[in-house]
Amino acid sequence: MALAQTNEVASRLRVVIPGIEVGIAENEPRGDRDQVSKLDRHGGKGGAFVAEIRADVLAGRCQCAMHSLKDMPGNEEVPGLVIAAYLKRDDPTDSLVLKPGLTMDELKSEGGAGYRLGTNSVRRAALISKLFPDIEVIHFRGAADTRINKLDKGLLQNLPDGSQVGPADAILLATSGLSRVGMADRISYSFSTGEMLPAVGQGIVAVECAADDWKTREQLAKIDNAEARSCAEAEREVLWVLDGHCNSPIAAHAVLENGEMHLSAAVMTLDGKTILRHDATGEADYPRELGRRVGLALVEQGAMKIINATRV
């Protein structure tokens, strides 16, 4: 999926800057090399999928780097780097993939009792536990196609302590990711953003480069999508206010309509039994201000107690 996203960035640059030569440097970050451990072992998604690629940009080994925005930590700044472009947002929803022969009606029966659902996302685990109170959520790692292969073949997931868990009866993945790897036909059900509030930045590809590389910044600005940037700024401001980390079940989703921005955000306990949510609308020209207002409203509801309880 990462390569597909990178190729899309390259293709868009070739369209807006005829004759530009774009080389692709592949990098296999720790999160891809280690598909057993939970991501907090590598410092969360930032350490697992972003840190090494950022190091390549800072060292000058490449001019820019593509990231899935939902993998980029929102509670820290990286001196010397800047997000120079956001691509138009893809479908931000989450989708359910079932093992062959299983139906949604069967999964829904008795709140999911007797079935195992695989995910690596604490947000998805919390929200699916709210929707299916009796389902067993298990740790499940790997790229989208790898996870689906394990699902179909009934393979077990290795755990860091040498034990195994599974097999899974269903898995939860980003709808956009399934589409990018050509596996949208495996989607059994796509949750609306009302049913399952997306991760911050889900569906948005961000392109990062050196802050002082003005030529690259100028080139990337040509593929920047203003609406995606605005929504990203609002959602990531929520993450900043809450000081969210990789074990924090935090969700946020912004939508622009008729010159206004509507922002929904939530913080939840890992078991999904407690969900704090706040919705607000503000001027589209001030996304960060709206994000800060929503984040602070969640703090007033007691969000920090939940977030601090998930720190390891």
C-alpha atoms as a PDB file:
ATOM      1  CA  MET A   1       0.000   0.000   0.000  1.00  0.00           C
ATOM      2  CA  ALA A   2       2.854   2.385   0.840  1.00  0.00           C
ATOM      3  CA  LEU A   3       4.340   1.852  -2.615  1.00  0.00           C
ATOM      4  CA  ALA A   4       0.961   2.529  -4.230  1.00  0.00           C
ATOM      5  CA  GLN A   5       0.685   5.790  -2.288  1.00  0.00           C
ATOM      6  CA  THR A   6       4.230   6.755  -3.233  1.00  0.00           C
ATOM      7  CA  ASN A   7       3.520   6.078  -6.903  1.00  0.00           C
ATOM      8  CA  GLU A   8       0.449   8.287  -6.667  1.00  0.00           C
ATOM      9  CA  VAL A   9       2.547  11.179  -5.321  1.00  0.00           C
ATOM     10  CA  ALA A  10       5.032  10.668  -8.150  1.00  0.00           C
ATOM     11  CA  SER A  11       2.265  10.520 -10.756  1.00  0.00           C
ATOM     12  CA  ARG A  12       0.677  13.746  -9.527  1.00  0.00           C
ATOM     13  CA  LEU A  13       4.015  15.531  -9.616  1.00  0.00           C
ATOM     14  CA  ARG A  14       4.609  14.388 -13.198  1.00  0.00           C
ATOM     15  CA  VAL A  15       1.223  15.788 -14.207  1.00  0.00           C
ATOM     16  CA  VAL A  16       1.666  19.252 -12.675  1.00  0.00           C
ATOM     17  CA  ILE A  17       5.381  19.568 -13.519  1.00  0.00           C
ATOM     18  CA  PRO A  18       5.899  18.150 -17.029  1.00  0.00           C
ATOM     19  CA  GLY A  19       9.365  16.699 -17.529  1.00  0.00           C
ATOM     20  CA  ILE A  20      10.164  16.323 -13.834  1.00  0.00           C
ATOM     21  CA  GLU A  21      12.157  13.222 -12.965  1.00  0.00           C
ATOM     22  CA  VAL A  22      10.852  11.441  -9.896  1.00  0.00           C
ATOM     23  CA  GLY A  23      12.830   8.549  -8.449  1.00  0.00           C
ATOM     24  CA  ILE A  24      11.358   6.261  -5.808  1.00  0.00           C
ATOM     25  CA  ALA A  25      13.523   5.093  -2.916  1.00  0.00           C
ATOM     26  CA  GLU A  26      11.896   2.203  -1.057  1.00  0.00           C
ATOM     27  CA  ASN A  27      12.313   1.966   2.711  1.00  0.00           C
ATOM     28  CA  GLU A  28      11.124  -0.937   4.860  1.00  0.00           C
ATOM     29  CA  PRO A  29      10.538   0.596   8.297  1.00  0.00           C
ATOM     30  CA  ARG A  30      10.594  -1.308  11.564  1.00  0.00           C
ATOM     31  CA  GLY A  31       6.820  -1.665  11.627  1.00  0.00           C
ATOM     32  CA  ASP A  32       6.983  -3.672   8.394  1.00  0.00           C
ATOM     33  CA  ARG A  33      10.071  -5.702   9.331  1.00  0.00           C
ATOM     34  CA  ASP A  34       8.560  -6.729  12.666  1.00  0.00           C
ATOM     35  CA  GLN A  35       4.991  -7.924  12.134  1.00  0.00           C
ATOM     36  CA  VAL A  36       4.712  -9.595  15.527  1.00  0.00           C
ATOM     37  CA  SER A  37       5.265  -6.947  18.205  1.00  0.00           C
ATOM     38  CA  LYS A  38       2.743  -4.360  19.236  1.00  0.00           C
ATOM     39  CA  LEU A  39       3.672  -0.947  17.879  1.00  0.00           C
ATOM     40  CA  ASP A  40       4.454   0.582  21.272  1.00  0.00           C
ATOM     41  CA  ARG A  41       7.652  -1.493  21.271  1.00  0.00           C
ATOM     42  CA  HIS A  42       8.878   0.711  18.424  1.00  0.00           C
ATOM     43  CA  GLY A  43       7.641   3.971  19.899  1.00  0.00           C
ATOM     44  CA  GLY A  44       4.174   3.745  18.407  1.00  0.00           C
ATOM     45  CA  LYS A  45       3.263   4.243  14.773  1.00  0.00           C
ATOM     46  CA  GLY A  46       5.695   7.147  14.553  1.00  0.00           C
ATOM     47  CA  GLY A  47       8.647   4.977  15.491  1.00  0.00           C
ATOM     48  CA  ALA A  48       7.400   1.973  13.560  1.00  0.00           C
ATOM     49  CA  PHE A  49       6.509   3.594  10.245  1.00  0.00           C
ATOM     50  CA  VAL A  50       7.738   7.191  10.166  1.00  0.00           C
ATOM     51  CA  ALA A  51      11.007   7.738  12.067  1.00  0.00           C
ATOM     52  CA  GLU A  52      13.425   5.952   9.725  1.00  0.00           C
ATOM     53  CA  ILE A  53      11.906   7.552   6.628  1.00  0.00           C
ATOM     54  CA  ARG A  54      12.139  10.975   8.249  1.00  0.00           C
ATOM     55  CA  ALA A  55      15.790  10.287   8.989  1.00  0.00           C
ATOM     56  CA  ASP A  56      16.388   9.714   5.268  1.00  0.00           C
ATOM     57  CA  VAL A  57      14.918  13.127   4.450  1.00  0.00           C
ATOM     58  CA  LEU A  58      16.889  14.906   7.170  1.00  0.00           C
ATOM     59  CA  ALA A  59      20.090  13.232   5.961  1.00  0.00           C
ATOM     60  CA  GLY A  60      19.423  14.286   2.381  1.00  0.00           C
ATOM     61  CA  ARG A  61      19.078  10.738   1.085  1.00  0.00           C
ATOM     62  CA  CYS A  62      15.722  11.701  -0.438  1.00  0.00           C
ATOM     63  CA  GLN A  63      13.983  15.018  -1.086  1.00  0.00           C
ATOM     64  CA  CYS A  64      10.587  14.103   0.309  1.00  0.00           C
ATOM     65  CA  ALA A  65       8.724  11.274   1.972  1.00  0.00           C
ATOM     66  CA  MET A  66       5.166   9.993   1.822  1.00  0.00           C
ATOM     67  CA  HIS A  67       3.285   9.000   4.984  1.00  0.00           C
ATOM     68  CA  SER A  68      -0.223   7.893   5.803  1.00  0.00           C
ATOM     69  CA  LEU A  69      -1.225  10.840   7.957  1.00  0.00           C
ATOM     70  CA  LYS A  70      -2.847   8.592  10.565  1.00  0.00           C
ATOM     71  CA  ASP A  71       0.604   7.085  11.249  1.00  0.00           C
ATOM     72  CA  MET A  72       2.216  10.461  11.982  1.00  0.00           C
ATOM     73  CA  PRO A  73       2.375  11.431  15.680  1.00  0.00           C
ATOM     74  CA  GLY A  74       0.400  14.577  16.369  1.00  0.00           C
ATOM     75  CA  ASN A  75       1.883  15.373  19.777  1.00  0.00           C
ATOM     76  CA  GLU A  76       5.389  16.183  18.591  1.00  0.00           C
ATOM     77  CA  GLU A  77       7.211  18.388  16.109  1.00  0.00           C
ATOM     78  CA  VAL A  78      10.278  17.340  14.109  1.00  0.00           C
ATOM     79  CA  PRO A  79      12.713  20.234  13.722  1.00  0.00           C
ATOM     80  CA  GLY A  80      13.782  20.690  10.131  1.00  0.00           C
ATOM     81  CA  LEU A  81      10.778  19.000   8.516  1.00  0.00           C
ATOM     82  CA  VAL A  82       7.475  20.297   7.192  1.00  0.00           C
ATOM     83  CA  ILE A  83       4.395  18.719   5.618  1.00  0.00           C
ATOM     84  CA  ALA A  84       4.491  20.363   2.208  1.00  0.00           C
ATOM     85  CA  ALA A  85       1.494  18.636   0.640  1.00  0.00           C
ATOM     86  CA  TYR A  86      -1.655  16.758   1.539  1.00  0.00           C
ATOM     87  CA  LEU A  87      -3.292  14.683  -1.169  1.00  0.00           C
ATOM     88  CA  LYS A  88      -7.055  14.731  -1.623  1.00  0.00           C
ATOM     89  CA  ARG A  89      -8.640  12.602   1.061  1.00  0.00           C
ATOM     90  CA  ASP A  90      -9.694   9.070   0.186  1.00  0.00           C
ATOM     91  CA  ASP A  91     -12.558   7.265   1.892  1.00  0.00           C
ATOM     92  CA  PRO A  92     -11.859   7.757   5.630  1.00  0.00           C
ATOM     93  CA  THR A  93     -14.040   4.905   6.875  1.00  0.00           C
ATOM     94  CA  ASP A  94     -13.178   1.526   8.400  1.00  0.00           C
ATOM     95  CA  SER A  95     -14.277  -1.750   6.824  1.00  0.00           C
ATOM     96  CA  LEU A  96     -14.878  -5.257   8.016  1.00  0.00           C
ATOM     97  CA  VAL A  97     -13.499  -8.258   6.128  1.00  0.00           C
ATOM     98  CA  LEU A  98     -14.978 -11.654   7.044  1.00  0.00           C
ATOM     99  CA  LYS A  99     -13.473 -15.086   6.573  1.00  0.00           C
ATOM    100  CA  PRO A 100     -14.962 -17.071   3.684  1.00  0.00           C
ATOM    101  CA  GLY A 101     -18.368 -18.492   4.562  1.00  0.00           C
ATOM    102  CA  LEU A 102     -19.124 -16.126   7.449  1.00  0.00           C
ATOM    103  CA  THR A 103     -21.954 -13.599   7.092  1.00  0.00           C
ATOM    104  CA  MET A 104     -22.649 -10.310   8.830  1.00  0.00           C
ATOM    105  CA  ASP A 105     -25.855 -11.721  10.304  1.00  0.00           C
ATOM    106  CA  GLU A 106     -23.884 -14.535  11.928  1.00  0.00           C
ATOM    107  CA  LEU A 107     -21.267 -12.126  13.273  1.00  0.00           C
ATOM    108  CA  LYS A 108     -23.941  -9.843  14.701  1.00  0.00           C
ATOM    109  CA  SER A 109     -25.697 -12.680  16.469  1.00  0.00           C
ATOM    110  CA  GLU A 110     -25.485 -12.315  20.243  1.00  0.00           C
ATOM    111  CA  GLY A 111     -23.141  -9.334  20.013  1.00  0.00           C
ATOM    112  CA  GLY A 112     -20.377 -11.241  18.251  1.00  0.00           C
ATOM    113  CA  ALA A 113     -20.078 -13.921  20.933  1.00  0.00           C
ATOM    114  CA  GLY A 114     -17.926 -16.842  19.832  1.00  0.00           C
ATOM    115  CA  TYR A 115     -16.050 -14.894  17.157  1.00  0.00           C
ATOM    116  CA  ARG A 116     -12.545 -13.398  17.079  1.00  0.00           C
ATOM    117  CA  LEU A 117     -11.805 -10.079  15.394  1.00  0.00           C
ATOM    118  CA  GLY A 118      -8.237  -9.124  14.514  1.00  0.00           C
ATOM    119  CA  THR A 119      -6.883  -5.580  14.599  1.00  0.00           C
ATOM    120  CA  ASN A 120      -3.750  -3.711  15.611  1.00  0.00           C
ATOM    121  CA  SER A 121      -5.583  -0.426  16.278  1.00  0.00           C
ATOM    122  CA  VAL A 122      -6.578   0.444  19.841  1.00  0.00           C
ATOM    123  CA  ARG A 123      -9.220   2.818  18.431  1.00  0.00           C
ATOM    124  CA  ARG A 124     -10.790   0.123  16.261  1.00  0.00           C
ATOM    125  CA  ALA A 125     -10.611  -2.387  19.104  1.00  0.00           C
ATOM    126  CA  ALA A 126     -12.434  -0.005  21.439  1.00  0.00           C
ATOM    127  CA  LEU A 127     -15.130   0.977  18.949  1.00  0.00           C
ATOM    128  CA  ILE A 128     -15.812  -2.554  17.708  1.00  0.00           C
ATOM    129  CA  SER A 129     -16.155  -3.668  21.344  1.00  0.00           C
ATOM    130  CA  LYS A 130     -18.876  -1.050  21.722  1.00  0.00           C
ATOM    131  CA  LEU A 131     -20.706  -2.300  18.630  1.00  0.00           C
ATOM    132  CA  PHE A 132     -20.127  -6.017  19.333  1.00  0.00           C
ATOM    133  CA  PRO A 133     -19.888  -6.277  23.138  1.00  0.00           C
ATOM    134  CA  ASP A 134     -19.154 -10.011  23.251  1.00  0.00           C
ATOM    135  CA  ILE A 135     -16.672 -10.316  20.388  1.00  0.00           C
ATOM    136  CA  GLU A 136     -13.097 -11.314  21.230  1.00  0.00           C
ATOM    137  CA  VAL A 137     -10.581  -8.783  19.903  1.00  0.00           C
ATOM    138  CA  ILE A 138      -7.141 -10.222  19.137  1.00  0.00           C
ATOM    139  CA  HIS A 139      -3.818  -8.636  18.171  1.00  0.00           C
ATOM    140  CA  PHE A 140      -3.378  -8.929  14.386  1.00  0.00           C
ATOM    141  CA  ARG A 141      -0.473  -7.441  12.398  1.00  0.00           C
ATOM    142  CA  GLY A 142       0.621  -7.169   8.793  1.00  0.00           C
ATOM    143  CA  ALA A 143      -0.124  -5.368   5.546  1.00  0.00           C
ATOM    144  CA  ALA A 144      -3.713  -5.566   4.286  1.00  0.00           C
ATOM    145  CA  ASP A 145      -3.033  -8.443   1.895  1.00  0.00           C
ATOM    146  CA  THR A 146      -1.019 -10.304   4.549  1.00  0.00           C
ATOM    147  CA  ARG A 147      -3.814 -10.032   7.095  1.00  0.00           C
ATOM    148  CA  ILE A 148      -6.425 -11.199   4.602  1.00  0.00           C
ATOM    149  CA  ASN A 149      -4.238 -14.178   3.677  1.00  0.00           C
ATOM    150  CA  LYS A 150      -3.981 -15.137   7.366  1.00  0.00           C
ATOM    151  CA  LEU A 151      -7.729 -14.699   7.733  1.00  0.00           C
ATOM    152  CA  ASP A 152      -8.565 -16.859   4.717  1.00  0.00           C
ATOM    153  CA  LYS A 153      -6.146 -19.642   5.651  1.00  0.00           C
ATOM    154  CA  GLY A 154      -7.042 -19.626   9.338  1.00  0.00           C
ATOM    155  CA  LEU A 155      -3.460 -18.883  10.350  1.00  0.00           C
ATOM    156  CA  LEU A 156      -2.469 -17.926  13.869  1.00  0.00           C
ATOM    157  CA  GLN A 157      -0.886 -14.573  14.795  1.00  0.00           C
ATOM    158  CA  ASN A 158       2.493 -14.800  16.529  1.00  0.00           C
ATOM    159  CA  LEU A 159       2.847 -12.741  19.704  1.00  0.00           C
ATOM    160  CA  PRO A 160       6.018 -11.165  21.166  1.00  0.00           C
ATOM    161  CA  ASP A 161       6.163 -13.698  24.023  1.00  0.00           C
ATOM    162  CA  GLY A 162       6.326 -16.610  21.600  1.00  0.00           C
ATOM    163  CA  SER A 163       2.697 -17.617  22.001  1.00  0.00           C
ATOM    164  CA  GLN A 164       0.052 -17.453  19.302  1.00  0.00           C
ATOM    165  CA  VAL A 165      -3.501 -16.192  19.061  1.00  0.00           C
ATOM    166  CA  GLY A 166      -6.323 -16.801  16.626  1.00  0.00           C
ATOM    167  CA  PRO A 167      -7.324 -17.674  14.076  1.00  0.00           C
ATOM    168  CA  ALA A 168      -9.420 -14.601  13.302  1.00  0.00           C
ATOM    169  CA  ASP A 169     -12.952 -14.754  11.978  1.00  0.00           C
ATOM    170  CA  ALA A 170     -12.916 -11.129  10.837  1.00  0.00           C
ATOM    171  CA  ILE A 171     -10.501  -8.221  10.552  1.00  0.00           C
ATOM    172  CA  LEU A 172     -10.909  -4.446  10.570  1.00  0.00           C
ATOM    173  CA  LEU A 173      -8.982  -2.331   8.062  1.00  0.00           C
ATOM    174  CA  ALA A 174      -9.076   1.125   6.518  1.00  0.00           C
ATOM    175  CA  THR A 175     -11.401   1.198   3.522  1.00  0.00           C
ATOM    176  CA  SER A 176      -8.917   3.307   1.559  1.00  0.00           C
ATOM    177  CA  GLY A 177      -6.115   0.828   2.199  1.00  0.00           C
ATOM    178  CA  LEU A 178      -8.163  -2.064   0.878  1.00  0.00           C
ATOM    179  CA  SER A 179      -8.987  -0.062  -2.237  1.00  0.00           C
ATOM    180  CA  ARG A 180      -5.351   0.874  -2.823  1.00  0.00           C
ATOM    181  CA  VAL A 181      -4.190  -2.742  -2.820  1.00  0.00           C
ATOM    182  CA  GLY A 182      -7.046  -3.824  -5.087  1.00  0.00           C
ATOM    183  CA  MET A 183      -8.957  -5.758  -2.431  1.00  0.00           C
ATOM    184  CA  ALA A 184     -12.084  -3.633  -2.084  1.00  0.00           C
ATOM    185  CA  ASP A 185     -14.109  -6.637  -3.238  1.00  0.00           C
ATOM    186  CA  ARG A 186     -13.335  -8.307   0.109  1.00  0.00           C
ATOM    187  CA  ILE A 187     -15.188  -5.636   2.079  1.00  0.00           C
ATOM    188  CA  SER A 188     -18.122  -7.226   3.887  1.00  0.00           C
ATOM    189  CA  TYR A 189     -19.305  -4.030   5.552  1.00  0.00           C
ATOM    190  CA  SER A 190     -18.105  -0.421   5.697  1.00  0.00           C
ATOM    191  CA  PHE A 191     -18.908   1.444   8.886  1.00  0.00           C
ATOM    192  CA  SER A 192     -20.183   4.988   8.565  1.00  0.00           C
ATOM    193  CA  THR A 193     -18.169   7.673  10.342  1.00  0.00           C
ATOM    194  CA  GLY A 194     -21.077   7.880  12.767  1.00  0.00           C
ATOM    195  CA  GLU A 195     -20.766   4.201  13.662  1.00  0.00           C
ATOM    196  CA  MET A 196     -16.974   4.184  13.834  1.00  0.00           C
ATOM    197  CA  LEU A 197     -15.292   7.583  14.046  1.00  0.00           C
ATOM    198  CA  PRO A 198     -12.056   7.474  11.979  1.00  0.00           C
ATOM    199  CA  ALA A 199      -8.511   7.935  13.186  1.00  0.00           C
ATOM    200  CA  VAL A 200      -7.006  11.399  12.939  1.00  0.00           C
ATOM    201  CA  GLY A 201      -5.973  11.922   9.326  1.00  0.00           C
ATOM    202  CA  GLN A 202      -7.327   8.592   8.081  1.00  0.00           C
ATOM    203  CA  GLY A 203      -7.521   8.523   4.299  1.00  0.00           C
ATOM    204  CA  ILE A 204      -5.038  11.382   3.821  1.00  0.00           C
ATOM    205  CA  VAL A 205      -1.552  11.002   2.371  1.00  0.00           C
ATOM    206  CA  ALA A 206       0.951  13.588   3.630  1.00  0.00           C
ATOM    207  CA  VAL A 207       4.203  14.471   1.893  1.00  0.00           C
ATOM    208  CA  GLU A 208       7.023  15.711   4.104  1.00  0.00           C
ATOM    209  CA  CYS A 209      10.257  17.444   3.126  1.00  0.00           C
ATOM    210  CA  ALA A 210      13.053  19.511   4.634  1.00  0.00           C
ATOM    211  CA  ALA A 211      11.785  22.869   5.877  1.00  0.00           C
ATOM    212  CA  ASP A 212      14.625  24.767   4.172  1.00  0.00           C
ATOM    213  CA  ASP A 213      14.318  22.920   0.827  1.00  0.00           C
ATOM    214  CA  TRP A 214      12.328  25.667  -0.854  1.00  0.00           C
ATOM    215  CA  LYS A 215      12.516  24.174  -4.341  1.00  0.00           C
ATOM    216  CA  THR A 216      10.922  20.918  -3.196  1.00  0.00           C
ATOM    217  CA  ARG A 217       8.355  22.791  -1.124  1.00  0.00           C
ATOM    218  CA  GLU A 218       7.366  24.838  -4.163  1.00  0.00           C
ATOM    219  CA  GLN A 219       7.006  21.698  -6.274  1.00  0.00           C
ATOM    220  CA  LEU A 220       4.966  19.841  -3.671  1.00  0.00           C
ATOM    221  CA  ALA A 221       2.694  22.849  -3.180  1.00  0.00           C
ATOM    222  CA  LYS A 222       1.383  22.177  -6.684  1.00  0.00           C
ATOM    223  CA  ILE A 223      -0.217  18.895  -5.548  1.00  0.00           C
ATOM    224  CA  ASP A 224      -1.441  20.157  -2.163  1.00  0.00           C
ATOM    225  CA  ASN A 225      -5.184  19.778  -1.606  1.00  0.00           C
ATOM    226  CA  ALA A 226      -6.531  22.709   0.393  1.00  0.00           C
ATOM    227  CA  GLU A 227      -9.537  20.850   1.793  1.00  0.00           C
ATOM    228  CA  ALA A 228      -7.445  17.900   2.981  1.00  0.00           C
ATOM    229  CA  ARG A 229      -4.934  20.275   4.574  1.00  0.00           C
ATOM    230  CA  SER A 230      -7.646  22.166   6.411  1.00  0.00           C
ATOM    231  CA  CYS A 231      -9.282  19.003   7.753  1.00  0.00           C
ATOM    232  CA  ALA A 232      -5.909  17.573   8.732  1.00  0.00           C
ATOM    233  CA  GLU A 233      -5.002  20.712  10.672  1.00  0.00           C
ATOM    234  CA  ALA A 234      -8.243  20.588  12.649  1.00  0.00           C
ATOM    235  CA  GLU A 235      -7.988  16.885  13.459  1.00  0.00           C
ATOM    236  CA  ARG A 236      -4.304  17.009  14.382  1.00  0.00           C
ATOM    237  CA  GLU A 237      -4.901  19.982  16.658  1.00  0.00           C
ATOM    238  CA  VAL A 238      -7.205  17.734  18.699  1.00  0.00           C
ATOM    239  CA  LEU A 239      -4.383  15.193  18.935  1.00  0.00           C
ATOM    240  CA  TRP A 240      -1.958  17.930  19.974  1.00  0.00           C
ATOM    241  CA  VAL A 241      -4.225  19.254  22.727  1.00  0.00           C
ATOM    242  CA  LEU A 242      -4.811  15.748  24.088  1.00  0.00           C
ATOM    243  CA  ASP A 243      -1.112  14.795  23.862  1.00  0.00           C
ATOM    244  CA  GLY A 244      -2.227  11.548  22.291  1.00  0.00           C
ATOM    245  CA  HIS A 245       0.152   8.615  21.943  1.00  0.00           C
ATOM    246  CA  CYS A 246       0.080   5.219  20.217  1.00  0.00           C
ATOM    247  CA  ASN A 247      -1.959   3.555  22.978  1.00  0.00           C
ATOM    248  CA  SER A 248      -4.547   6.329  23.122  1.00  0.00           C
ATOM    249  CA  PRO A 249      -7.893   5.436  21.545  1.00  0.00           C
ATOM    250  CA  ILE A 250      -8.542   8.837  19.966  1.00  0.00           C
ATOM    251  CA  ALA A 251     -10.691   9.558  16.922  1.00  0.00           C
ATOM    252  CA  ALA A 252     -11.394  12.752  15.000  1.00  0.00           C
ATOM    253  CA  HIS A 253     -12.989  13.594  11.683  1.00  0.00           C
ATOM    254  CA  ALA A 254     -13.544  16.945  10.009  1.00  0.00           C
ATOM    255  CA  VAL A 255     -15.842  17.766   7.097  1.00  0.00           C
ATOM    256  CA  LEU A 256     -16.086  21.013   5.114  1.00  0.00           C
ATOM    257  CA  GLU A 257     -19.449  22.207   3.829  1.00  0.00           C
ATOM    258  CA  ASN A 258     -20.698  25.608   2.681  1.00  0.00           C
ATOM    259  CA  GLY A 259     -17.787  27.523   4.172  1.00  0.00           C
ATOM    260  CA  GLU A 260     -18.068  25.801   7.544  1.00  0.00           C
ATOM    261  CA  MET A 261     -16.184  22.956   9.145  1.00  0.00           C
ATOM    262  CA  HIS A 262     -17.833  20.316  11.277  1.00  0.00           C
ATOM    263  CA  LEU A 263     -15.474  18.433  13.573  1.00  0.00           C
ATOM    264  CA  SER A 264     -16.244  15.340  15.637  1.00  0.00           C
ATOM    265  CA  ALA A 265     -13.737  13.869  18.069  1.00  0.00           C
ATOM    266  CA  ALA A 266     -13.785  11.183  20.721  1.00  0.00           C
ATOM    267  CA  VAL A 267     -11.649   9.580  23.405  1.00  0.00           C
ATOM    268  CA  MET A 268     -12.553   6.130  24.684  1.00  0.00           C
ATOM    269  CA  THR A 269     -11.441   3.504  27.133  1.00  0.00           C
ATOM    270  CA  LEU A 270      -9.743   0.444  25.660  1.00  0.00           C
ATOM    271  CA  ASP A 271     -12.788  -1.732  26.283  1.00  0.00           C
ATOM    272  CA  GLY A 272     -15.084   0.751  24.523  1.00  0.00           C
ATOM    273  CA  LYS A 273     -17.377   0.994  27.543  1.00  0.00           C
ATOM    274  CA  THR A 274     -16.729   4.701  28.062  1.00  0.00           C
ATOM    275  CA  ILE A 275     -16.677   7.086  25.096  1.00  0.00           C
ATOM    276  CA  LEU A 276     -16.274  10.829  25.483  1.00  0.00           C
ATOM    277  CA  ARG A 277     -17.316  12.700  22.344  1.00  0.00           C
ATOM    278  CA  HIS A 278     -17.638  16.313  21.295  1.00  0.00           C
ATOM    279  CA  ASP A 279     -18.955  17.801  18.043  1.00  0.00           C
ATOM    280  CA  ALA A 280     -18.591  21.421  16.995  1.00  0.00           C
ATOM    281  CA  THR A 281     -18.899  23.637  13.935  1.00  0.00           C
ATOM    282  CA  GLY A 282     -16.756  26.630  13.073  1.00  0.00           C
ATOM    283  CA  GLU A 283     -15.469  28.790  10.243  1.00  0.00           C
ATOM    284  CA  ALA A 284     -13.589  26.793   7.633  1.00  0.00           C
ATOM    285  CA  ASP A 285     -10.800  29.381   7.596  1.00  0.00           C
ATOM    286  CA  TYR A 286      -9.851  28.613  11.208  1.00  0.00           C
ATOM    287  CA  PRO A 287      -9.386  24.822  11.417  1.00  0.00           C
ATOM    288  CA  ARG A 288      -6.796  24.820  14.194  1.00  0.00           C
ATOM    289  CA  GLU A 289      -8.955  27.024  16.378  1.00  0.00           C
ATOM    290  CA  LEU A 290     -11.860  24.605  15.961  1.00  0.00           C
ATOM    291  CA  GLY A 291      -9.619  21.638  16.701  1.00  0.00           C
ATOM    292  CA  ARG A 292      -8.317  23.330  19.847  1.00  0.00           C
ATOM    293  CA  ARG A 293     -11.863  24.070  21.011  1.00  0.00           C
ATOM    294  CA  VAL A 294     -12.961  20.467  20.509  1.00  0.00           C
ATOM    295  CA  GLY A 295      -9.830  19.095  22.172  1.00  0.00           C
ATOM    296  CA  LEU A 296     -10.273  21.315  25.212  1.00  0.00           C
ATOM    297  CA  ALA A 297     -13.945  20.322  25.456  1.00  0.00           C
ATOM    298  CA  LEU A 298     -12.844  16.679  25.679  1.00  0.00           C
ATOM    299  CA  VAL A 299     -10.316  17.602  28.355  1.00  0.00           C
ATOM    300  CA  GLU A 300     -13.144  19.172  30.358  1.00  0.00           C
ATOM    301  CA  GLN A 301     -15.082  15.898  30.049  1.00  0.00           C
ATOM    302  CA  GLY A 302     -12.181  13.981  31.597  1.00  0.00           C
ATOM    303  CA  ALA A 303     -10.282  12.799  28.531  1.00  0.00           C
ATOM    304  CA  MET A 304      -6.851  13.110  30.145  1.00  0.00           C
ATOM    305  CA  LYS A 305      -7.748  10.572  32.828  1.00  0.00           C
ATOM    306  CA  ILE A 306      -8.542   8.033  30.110  1.00  0.00           C
ATOM    307  CA  ILE A 307      -5.446   8.872  28.071  1.00  0.00           C
ATOM    308  CA  ASN A 308      -3.100   8.749  31.065  1.00  0.00           C
ATOM    309  CA  ALA A 309      -4.510   5.356  32.055  1.00  0.00           C
ATOM    310  CA  THR A 310      -3.351   3.948  28.693  1.00  0.00           C
ATOM    311  CA  ARG A 311       0.238   5.126  28.994  1.00  0.00           C
ATOM    312  CA  VAL A 312       2.810   2.353  29.367  1.00  0.00           C
END
